[in-house]
Amino acid sequence: MTASWTVDVITCRGSSYDVGRQFAAGFRKTPRGRAFKRRKERKPFGFSLKNAEAALTTHAPNIWEELHGLADGLEIPLARAVAEFSNGRLRYPARGCSAVMTGGLYGRNYDFSPGRYDRILAAIKPDGVHASIGFTDRFTGRDDGMNEKGLCVGLHYVNEKVWQPGLVCILIVRIVLDQCATTAEAVELLRRLPHGLCFNYSLLDATGHAAVVEGSPAGVAVREGEALACTNHFQSTDMIRFNPRNPGSKGRLGPLETWAQERPDRTALFALLNASDSPVFAHAYARGGGTLHTFVCDPKTTEFRVGVGGDTDPVTLDVGAWACDGSPLPARLEGVLGGRTAPFDAKKRRLFPTEAGSAGDSAKVFAGANLAKAAFRDVGLKDATFDNVDLGGARFDDINFSGATITENCNFKGMTLAGVPVADLFAAYRAAKNRGDT
């Protein structure tokens, strides 16, 4: 699966009410915003405007004010704005997400369903709270981001089977960005906030202090250090009982922990996360878990290096400079969903079994498949059979080919083995065979 992928950038300043109105105006200029008037109202089961107001005025009064501006800007009733764009919808769909905090850098991939993604990067500077830049979810919420103090935070879904009335994850991320300047402040706040569901929250501040807060309705655990990795399961002894079966999350954790110890620079870290053949880049778009955006932040300099889709050339934004003097930001980010190497077949099935099981299972995918320019890395292809497959321009790295069979019916145009064109190898073999060489 590949497709052009764009994310709009919306900037807002002023009172929280002004921020809400400005966000609505920016949203209405986007394709989704122009279609908003035709969308039916979606009110969650059991929604209570009174309860939502109580939660927001207690924990985030600026967001309650912002919702008033959002409602007026979208020309909808306040109740609808609160129901669709705040804490009113507690249940939350599963998603992936990977983060690594190392060498003073915060790197992150966000994995989710393209159809349920806001496709908005918001830079806001409301009066009375910290300015920040982050990817929105239901407008007032944030999936991740960094504020003007250099504090980075991202959410990681774990489980929604254990829940209670409380704050939804996207508002928790937003509240941290608004109210905290350091990891220590964020940890203290995350211990106090009422968690509605089980989520991890990855954190890094300008001092290099990293933490993962494992939040649940039953309690909170914290892992701290200078080099940490985080995916979609709890690691603390007291919290692992809440983990669902999630082999994909555990599989991504290993490479992230390795990179945390290796301390790559910002350019290398972005490439490790965003390459479409990366072990932490997800291609399960049809199942609601493909990588949608990647960013690497330097909290000391407030540099925010970001790209959407895969195999992208990142754009560098300066959050501190924007907050200080309004330095211009791009109107949108552009990329290719799934990446330029397109490791998917026409039927949208996985080609690389990072999560999908054994090589024997995935080998069936390769019969009659078009794998031109595909990328293979750390995949077991032992005893696999490639028959009538287009491998033009394909890349193989660290593959076990023992016992594999590749017939001459395949198109090997552009492919090399150990730097030698496959066509030359076949020609040399035929010449040797004609001479009777053994």
Protein backbone atom coordinates (compact mmCIF):
# COMPACT_ATOMS: atom_id res chain seq x y z
CA MET A 1 0.00 0.00 0.00
CA THR A 2 1.38 3.37 -1.01
CA ALA A 3 -0.35 6.71 -1.38
CA SER A 4 0.52 10.38 -1.30
CA TRP A 5 0.15 11.57 2.25
CA THR A 6 -0.28 15.13 3.52
CA VAL A 7 -0.68 16.62 6.97
CA ASP A 8 -1.87 20.21 7.40
CA VAL A 9 -0.01 22.56 9.75
CA ILE A 10 -2.24 24.92 11.75
CA THR A 11 -0.84 27.74 13.92
CA CYS A 12 -2.76 29.53 16.67
CA ARG A 13 -1.96 32.23 19.27
CA GLY A 14 -3.81 34.27 21.87
CA SER A 15 -6.36 33.41 24.51
CA SER A 16 -7.51 29.80 24.68
CA TYR A 17 -10.82 30.93 23.17
CA ASP A 18 -8.90 32.59 20.33
CA VAL A 19 -6.86 29.42 19.81
CA GLY A 20 -10.08 27.43 19.45
CA ARG A 21 -11.52 29.83 16.89
CA GLN A 22 -8.25 30.01 14.94
CA PHE A 23 -7.96 26.24 14.90
CA ALA A 24 -11.52 25.95 13.57
CA ALA A 25 -10.73 28.51 10.85
CA GLY A 26 -7.58 26.64 9.84
CA PHE A 27 -9.39 23.31 9.84
CA ARG A 28 -12.21 24.62 7.65
CA LYS A 29 -9.67 25.44 4.94
CA THR A 30 -8.60 21.78 4.70
CA PRO A 31 -10.43 19.17 2.54
CA ARG A 32 -11.84 17.53 5.66
CA GLY A 33 -12.85 20.88 7.04
CA ARG A 34 -14.74 21.78 3.89
CA ALA A 35 -16.69 18.53 4.22
CA PHE A 36 -17.32 18.99 7.96
CA LYS A 37 -20.74 20.62 7.51
CA ARG A 38 -22.02 17.44 5.84
CA ARG A 39 -20.88 15.18 8.65
CA LYS A 40 -23.49 13.90 11.05
CA GLU A 41 -23.15 14.59 14.75
CA ARG A 42 -21.61 11.70 16.69
CA LYS A 43 -22.46 11.72 20.37
CA PRO A 44 -20.86 8.91 22.43
CA PHE A 45 -23.06 6.61 24.47
CA GLY A 46 -23.48 7.95 27.98
CA PHE A 47 -22.05 11.38 27.15
CA SER A 48 -22.61 13.99 29.85
CA LEU A 49 -21.77 17.63 29.19
CA LYS A 50 -21.82 18.27 32.92
CA ASN A 51 -19.28 15.52 33.63
CA ALA A 52 -17.01 16.65 30.79
CA GLU A 53 -17.11 20.22 32.09
CA ALA A 54 -16.26 19.07 35.61
CA ALA A 55 -13.25 17.06 34.41
CA LEU A 56 -11.89 19.82 32.17
CA THR A 57 -12.41 22.75 34.52
CA THR A 58 -10.64 20.73 37.20
CA HIS A 59 -7.63 19.52 35.21
CA ALA A 60 -7.45 21.70 32.09
CA PRO A 61 -9.56 24.88 32.24
CA ASN A 62 -7.76 26.29 29.20
CA ILE A 63 -9.04 23.39 27.08
CA TRP A 64 -12.60 24.01 28.30
CA GLU A 65 -12.23 27.62 27.13
CA GLU A 66 -10.70 26.44 23.85
CA LEU A 67 -13.74 24.25 23.19
CA HIS A 68 -15.98 27.31 23.34
CA GLY A 69 -13.89 28.97 20.64
CA LEU A 70 -13.82 25.76 18.61
CA ALA A 71 -17.61 25.46 18.78
CA ASP A 72 -18.11 29.07 17.68
CA GLY A 73 -15.53 28.75 14.91
CA LEU A 74 -17.12 25.56 13.55
CA GLU A 75 -20.64 27.02 14.06
CA ILE A 76 -21.81 24.03 16.07
CA PRO A 77 -23.36 23.74 19.56
CA LEU A 78 -20.92 23.55 22.48
CA ALA A 79 -22.34 20.13 23.45
CA ARG A 80 -21.35 18.73 20.06
CA ALA A 81 -17.86 20.21 20.25
CA VAL A 82 -17.33 18.76 23.73
CA ALA A 83 -18.78 15.35 22.78
CA GLU A 84 -16.65 14.95 19.65
CA PHE A 85 -13.48 16.84 20.55
CA SER A 86 -12.76 16.37 24.25
CA ASN A 87 -12.98 13.83 27.04
CA GLY A 88 -16.50 12.71 26.24
CA ARG A 89 -15.47 9.57 24.33
CA LEU A 90 -13.46 7.49 26.75
CA ARG A 91 -13.12 4.30 24.73
CA TYR A 92 -10.11 4.49 22.47
CA PRO A 93 -9.09 2.34 19.48
CA ALA A 94 -5.86 0.35 19.63
CA ARG A 95 -2.77 1.60 17.87
CA GLY A 96 0.97 0.96 17.79
CA CYS A 97 3.70 3.54 18.52
CA SER A 98 7.43 3.30 19.23
CA ALA A 99 9.71 5.74 21.05
CA VAL A 100 13.37 5.88 21.98
CA MET A 101 15.03 8.39 24.31
CA THR A 102 18.81 8.46 24.04
CA GLY A 103 21.71 10.88 23.94
CA GLY A 104 19.40 13.79 24.67
CA LEU A 105 17.16 12.96 21.67
CA TYR A 106 13.55 11.82 21.55
CA GLY A 107 12.53 9.73 18.53
CA ARG A 108 9.06 8.44 17.77
CA ASN A 109 6.91 6.59 15.23
CA TYR A 110 3.14 6.92 15.43
CA ASP A 111 1.15 3.95 14.09
CA PHE A 112 -2.59 4.17 13.56
CA SER A 113 -5.41 3.98 11.02
CA PRO A 114 -5.12 6.53 8.19
CA GLY A 115 -8.89 6.98 8.15
CA ARG A 116 -9.10 7.88 11.85
CA TYR A 117 -6.13 10.24 11.91
CA ASP A 118 -6.67 14.01 12.14
CA ARG A 119 -3.82 14.72 9.68
CA ILE A 120 -3.10 17.99 11.53
CA LEU A 121 0.11 19.22 13.15
CA ALA A 122 -0.83 22.06 15.49
CA ALA A 123 1.50 24.80 16.73
CA ILE A 124 -0.27 26.69 19.49
CA LYS A 125 0.62 29.41 21.99
CA PRO A 126 -2.35 29.91 24.31
CA ASP A 127 -2.09 32.52 27.05
CA GLY A 128 -1.18 31.09 30.44
CA VAL A 129 0.22 27.71 29.34
CA HIS A 130 3.28 26.54 27.42
CA ALA A 131 3.43 26.87 23.65
CA SER A 132 3.75 23.51 21.90
CA ILE A 133 3.71 21.70 18.60
CA GLY A 134 2.13 18.29 18.22
CA PHE A 135 -0.08 15.99 16.18
CA THR A 136 -3.72 16.41 17.06
CA ASP A 137 -6.39 13.85 17.82
CA ARG A 138 -9.97 15.13 18.01
CA PHE A 139 -8.56 18.63 17.74
CA THR A 140 -8.01 19.41 21.43
CA GLY A 141 -6.05 16.19 22.12
CA ARG A 142 -2.48 15.33 21.18
CA ASP A 143 -0.89 12.02 20.21
CA ASP A 144 2.57 13.42 20.86
CA GLY A 145 4.63 16.59 20.64
CA MET A 146 7.13 18.97 22.23
CA ASN A 147 6.60 22.24 24.05
CA GLU A 148 8.67 25.44 24.11
CA LYS A 149 10.56 24.24 27.20
CA GLY A 150 11.79 21.19 25.28
CA LEU A 151 9.60 18.64 27.06
CA CYS A 152 8.65 15.78 24.70
CA VAL A 153 5.80 13.35 25.32
CA GLY A 154 4.06 10.59 23.39
CA LEU A 155 1.30 8.09 24.14
CA HIS A 156 1.46 4.31 23.62
CA TYR A 157 -1.72 2.24 23.75
CA VAL A 158 -1.59 -0.84 26.03
CA ASN A 159 -5.09 -2.05 26.89
CA GLU A 160 -8.65 -0.82 27.22
CA LYS A 161 -10.14 -3.85 28.97
CA VAL A 162 -9.36 -2.24 32.31
CA TRP A 163 -10.99 1.19 32.48
CA GLN A 164 -12.84 3.60 34.69
CA PRO A 165 -14.14 7.16 34.36
CA GLY A 166 -11.12 9.41 34.02
CA LEU A 167 -9.12 11.38 31.50
CA VAL A 168 -8.63 10.03 27.99
CA CYS A 169 -5.03 9.56 26.82
CA ILE A 170 -4.98 12.29 24.18
CA LEU A 171 -6.01 14.91 26.74
CA ILE A 172 -3.39 13.64 29.18
CA VAL A 173 -0.68 14.25 26.57
CA ARG A 174 -2.08 17.72 25.87
CA ILE A 175 -2.23 18.59 29.57
CA VAL A 176 1.41 17.55 30.05
CA LEU A 177 2.50 19.73 27.12
CA ASP A 178 0.47 22.67 28.44
CA GLN A 179 1.48 22.50 32.09
CA CYS A 180 4.91 20.86 32.48
CA ALA A 181 8.45 22.05 31.71
CA THR A 182 10.45 19.02 32.85
CA THR A 183 10.19 15.26 33.01
CA ALA A 184 10.02 15.44 36.81
CA GLU A 185 7.02 17.77 36.62
CA ALA A 186 5.35 15.51 34.06
CA VAL A 187 5.89 12.38 36.16
CA GLU A 188 4.41 14.09 39.21
CA LEU A 189 1.39 15.27 37.21
CA LEU A 190 0.87 11.84 35.61
CA ARG A 191 0.83 10.28 39.07
CA ARG A 192 -2.02 12.62 40.07
CA LEU A 193 -4.22 12.57 36.98
CA PRO A 194 -7.11 10.05 36.80
CA HIS A 195 -6.20 7.54 34.06
CA GLY A 196 -9.21 6.17 32.22
CA LEU A 197 -7.32 3.46 30.30
CA CYS A 198 -3.96 1.65 30.25
CA PHE A 199 -1.34 3.66 28.33
CA ASN A 200 2.40 4.26 28.39
CA TYR A 201 3.67 7.84 28.23
CA SER A 202 7.25 8.38 27.01
CA LEU A 203 9.02 11.54 28.19
CA LEU A 204 12.26 13.46 27.66
CA ASP A 205 13.25 16.98 28.74
CA ALA A 206 16.02 19.46 27.98
CA THR A 207 18.31 18.02 30.68
CA GLY A 208 18.25 14.57 29.05
CA HIS A 209 16.05 13.11 31.81
CA ALA A 210 13.97 10.33 30.22
CA ALA A 211 11.06 8.44 31.72
CA VAL A 212 8.27 6.05 30.78
CA VAL A 213 5.13 6.41 32.87
CA GLU A 214 2.95 3.31 32.83
CA GLY A 215 -0.52 4.62 33.60
CA SER A 216 -3.64 2.65 34.37
CA PRO A 217 -6.86 3.06 36.36
CA ALA A 218 -5.35 0.73 38.98
CA GLY A 219 -2.10 2.62 39.48
CA VAL A 220 1.01 4.16 37.96
CA ALA A 221 4.59 2.90 37.62
CA VAL A 222 7.61 4.85 36.38
CA ARG A 223 10.83 3.83 34.63
CA GLU A 224 13.54 6.51 34.48
CA GLY A 225 17.00 6.88 32.98
CA GLU A 226 19.00 8.50 30.18
CA ALA A 227 18.45 5.75 27.58
CA LEU A 228 14.99 4.19 27.38
CA ALA A 229 12.67 2.61 24.83
CA CYS A 230 8.91 2.28 24.86
CA THR A 231 6.29 0.40 22.83
CA ASN A 232 2.82 -0.92 23.68
CA HIS A 233 3.20 -3.05 26.77
CA PHE A 234 4.01 -2.46 30.42
CA GLN A 235 7.39 -3.62 31.73
CA SER A 236 7.15 -2.91 35.46
CA THR A 237 6.50 -5.97 37.61
CA ASP A 238 3.37 -4.52 39.19
CA MET A 239 1.85 -3.61 35.82
CA ILE A 240 2.53 -6.56 33.51
CA ARG A 241 -0.73 -8.22 34.56
CA PHE A 242 -2.53 -5.62 32.42
CA ASN A 243 -0.63 -6.53 29.24
CA PRO A 244 -2.57 -8.04 26.33
CA ARG A 245 -0.88 -10.55 24.07
CA ASN A 246 1.11 -8.24 21.78
CA PRO A 247 4.09 -9.90 20.05
CA GLY A 248 4.47 -6.92 17.72
CA SER A 249 5.08 -4.57 20.64
CA LYS A 250 7.71 -6.85 22.16
CA GLY A 251 9.34 -7.37 18.77
CA ARG A 252 9.77 -3.63 18.24
CA LEU A 253 11.20 -3.07 21.71
CA GLY A 254 14.47 -4.94 21.02
CA PRO A 255 15.71 -2.73 18.16
CA LEU A 256 14.68 0.40 20.06
CA GLU A 257 16.64 -0.67 23.14
CA THR A 258 19.67 -1.39 20.95
CA TRP A 259 19.49 2.09 19.43
CA ALA A 260 19.10 3.61 22.88
CA GLN A 261 22.44 2.10 23.87
CA GLU A 262 24.13 3.03 20.58
CA ARG A 263 23.12 6.73 20.86
CA PRO A 264 22.76 7.57 17.12
CA ASP A 265 22.76 11.22 16.07
CA ARG A 266 19.51 12.90 15.03
CA THR A 267 19.94 12.16 11.32
CA ALA A 268 20.70 8.50 11.90
CA LEU A 269 17.92 8.11 14.45
CA PHE A 270 15.33 9.55 12.10
CA ALA A 271 16.47 7.18 9.33
CA LEU A 272 16.35 4.17 11.67
CA LEU A 273 12.75 4.95 12.60
CA ASN A 274 11.38 6.17 9.27
CA ALA A 275 12.89 3.74 6.75
CA SER A 276 10.07 1.60 5.40
CA ASP A 277 12.20 -1.52 5.93
CA SER A 278 12.92 -0.60 9.55
CA PRO A 279 11.95 -3.25 12.12
CA VAL A 280 9.87 -0.58 13.90
CA PHE A 281 8.11 0.84 10.82
CA ALA A 282 4.60 -0.63 10.63
CA HIS A 283 2.79 -1.45 7.39
CA ALA A 284 -0.51 -2.73 8.80
CA TYR A 285 -2.55 0.18 7.43
CA ALA A 286 -5.52 -2.00 6.49
CA ARG A 287 -5.62 -3.28 10.09
CA GLY A 288 -5.40 0.20 11.62
CA GLY A 289 -1.72 0.16 12.61
CA GLY A 290 0.53 1.65 9.92
CA THR A 291 3.22 4.26 10.58
CA LEU A 292 1.78 7.70 9.84
CA HIS A 293 4.45 10.07 11.11
CA THR A 294 7.97 10.10 12.53
CA PHE A 295 9.79 12.79 14.45
CA VAL A 296 13.08 13.26 16.28
CA CYS A 297 13.35 16.10 18.80
CA ASP A 298 16.35 17.75 20.42
CA PRO A 299 14.89 19.22 23.62
CA LYS A 300 17.99 21.35 24.30
CA THR A 301 17.59 23.29 21.06
CA THR A 302 13.81 22.74 20.69
CA GLU A 303 14.49 21.34 17.22
CA PHE A 304 11.58 19.26 15.90
CA ARG A 305 12.59 17.13 12.90
CA VAL A 306 9.46 15.62 11.38
CA GLY A 307 8.24 13.63 8.39
CA VAL A 308 4.98 11.95 7.37
CA GLY A 309 4.73 8.57 5.68
CA GLY A 310 7.91 6.56 5.16
CA ASP A 311 11.36 7.00 3.58
CA THR A 312 10.80 10.74 3.84
CA ASP A 313 13.12 13.73 3.90
CA PRO A 314 12.35 15.36 7.26
CA VAL A 315 11.41 18.99 7.76
CA THR A 316 13.08 20.78 10.67
CA LEU A 317 10.97 23.13 12.81
CA ASP A 318 12.20 25.27 15.72
CA VAL A 319 9.50 25.17 18.37
CA GLY A 320 11.25 27.69 20.62
CA ALA A 321 11.78 30.20 17.82
CA TRP A 322 8.18 29.87 16.64
CA ALA A 323 6.92 30.43 20.18
CA CYS A 324 9.21 33.43 20.66
CA ASP A 325 8.90 35.37 17.43
CA GLY A 326 6.40 33.54 15.25
CA SER A 327 8.94 32.18 12.78
CA PRO A 328 6.93 30.85 9.81
CA LEU A 329 6.07 27.16 9.58
CA PRO A 330 5.20 25.21 6.41
CA ALA A 331 1.53 25.05 5.47
CA ARG A 332 1.65 21.27 5.20
CA LEU A 333 3.87 18.21 5.38
CA GLU A 334 4.00 15.82 2.43
CA GLY A 335 5.14 12.21 2.11
CA VAL A 336 4.26 8.73 0.89
CA LEU A 337 2.13 6.52 3.07
CA GLY A 338 3.97 3.21 3.43
CA GLY A 339 7.24 4.61 2.09
CA ARG A 340 8.86 4.82 -1.29
CA THR A 341 10.06 1.20 -1.27
CA ALA A 342 6.47 -0.01 -0.92
CA PRO A 343 6.87 -3.32 0.93
CA PHE A 344 3.29 -4.42 0.18
CA ASP A 345 1.77 -6.56 -2.55
CA ALA A 346 -1.30 -5.63 -4.53
CA LYS A 347 -3.57 -7.48 -2.12
CA LYS A 348 -2.31 -5.40 0.84
CA ARG A 349 -0.84 -8.45 2.56
CA ARG A 350 2.35 -8.24 4.63
CA LEU A 351 5.49 -9.29 2.81
CA PHE A 352 7.84 -9.13 5.77
CA PRO A 353 6.79 -11.17 8.81
CA THR A 354 8.02 -8.84 11.56
CA GLU A 355 4.74 -9.61 13.34
CA ALA A 356 2.94 -11.94 10.96
CA GLY A 357 4.50 -15.27 11.84
CA SER A 358 6.90 -17.70 10.27
CA ALA A 359 8.74 -17.49 6.97
CA GLY A 360 6.77 -20.49 5.82
CA ASP A 361 3.56 -18.53 6.21
CA SER A 362 4.86 -15.47 4.41
CA ALA A 363 6.44 -17.51 1.59
CA LYS A 364 2.96 -18.12 0.17
CA VAL A 365 2.65 -14.39 -0.46
CA PHE A 366 5.53 -14.45 -2.94
CA ALA A 367 3.81 -16.62 -5.56
CA GLY A 368 3.04 -14.35 -8.50
CA ALA A 369 3.73 -11.19 -6.47
CA ASN A 370 5.17 -7.93 -7.76
CA LEU A 371 8.06 -7.15 -5.41
CA ALA A 372 9.78 -4.56 -7.58
CA LYS A 373 11.88 -2.25 -5.36
CA ALA A 374 10.77 -4.13 -2.24
CA ALA A 375 13.03 -4.17 0.82
CA PHE A 376 13.74 -7.31 2.88
CA ARG A 377 15.58 -7.14 6.18
CA ASP A 378 16.04 -9.66 9.01
CA VAL A 379 13.49 -12.02 7.44
CA GLY A 380 13.79 -15.79 7.49
CA LEU A 381 13.26 -17.15 3.95
CA LYS A 382 14.58 -20.62 4.63
CA ASP A 383 13.01 -23.15 2.24
CA ALA A 384 10.88 -20.42 0.63
CA THR A 385 9.95 -20.63 -3.05
CA PHE A 386 9.83 -17.59 -5.33
CA ASP A 387 7.93 -18.42 -8.53
CA ASN A 388 6.99 -15.95 -11.28
CA VAL A 389 7.92 -13.01 -9.02
CA ASP A 390 9.15 -9.55 -10.09
CA LEU A 391 12.22 -8.73 -7.92
CA GLY A 392 13.46 -5.79 -9.99
CA GLY A 393 15.44 -3.42 -7.77
CA ALA A 394 14.76 -5.44 -4.60
CA ARG A 395 17.07 -5.20 -1.59
CA PHE A 396 17.94 -8.12 0.72
CA ASP A 397 19.89 -7.69 3.97
CA ASP A 398 20.65 -10.30 6.67
CA ILE A 399 18.39 -12.96 5.11
CA ASN A 400 18.58 -16.71 5.68
CA PHE A 401 18.25 -18.20 2.17
CA SER A 402 19.26 -21.76 3.05
CA GLY A 403 17.12 -24.20 1.10
CA ALA A 404 15.28 -21.42 -0.78
CA THR A 405 14.34 -21.91 -4.44
CA ILE A 406 14.13 -19.07 -6.95
CA THR A 407 13.12 -20.09 -10.49
CA GLU A 408 14.32 -18.41 -13.69
CA ASN A 409 10.73 -17.36 -14.40
CA CYS A 410 11.31 -14.37 -12.08
CA ASN A 411 12.26 -10.93 -13.40
CA PHE A 412 15.66 -10.06 -11.85
CA LYS A 413 16.15 -6.77 -13.69
CA GLY A 414 18.29 -4.44 -11.55
CA MET A 415 19.01 -7.07 -8.87
CA THR A 416 22.54 -7.94 -7.71
CA LEU A 417 24.01 -10.58 -5.42
CA ALA A 418 27.06 -9.43 -3.47
CA GLY A 419 27.43 -6.59 -5.97
CA VAL A 420 27.25 -8.82 -9.09
CA PRO A 421 24.22 -8.49 -11.42
CA VAL A 422 22.10 -11.64 -11.35
CA ALA A 423 21.86 -11.57 -15.16
CA ASP A 424 25.69 -11.77 -15.31
CA LEU A 425 25.70 -14.70 -12.90
CA PHE A 426 23.19 -16.60 -15.05
CA ALA A 427 25.22 -15.83 -18.19
CA ALA A 428 28.44 -17.01 -16.55
CA TYR A 429 26.71 -20.18 -15.34
CA ARG A 430 25.35 -20.99 -18.80
CA ALA A 431 28.74 -20.35 -20.42
CA ALA A 432 30.45 -22.60 -17.87
CA LYS A 433 27.81 -25.30 -18.40
CA ASN A 434 28.27 -25.13 -22.19
CA ARG A 435 32.03 -25.56 -21.74
CA GLY A 436 31.40 -28.55 -19.53
CA ASP A 437 32.95 -26.89 -16.48
CA THR A 438 31.90 -28.26 -13.13
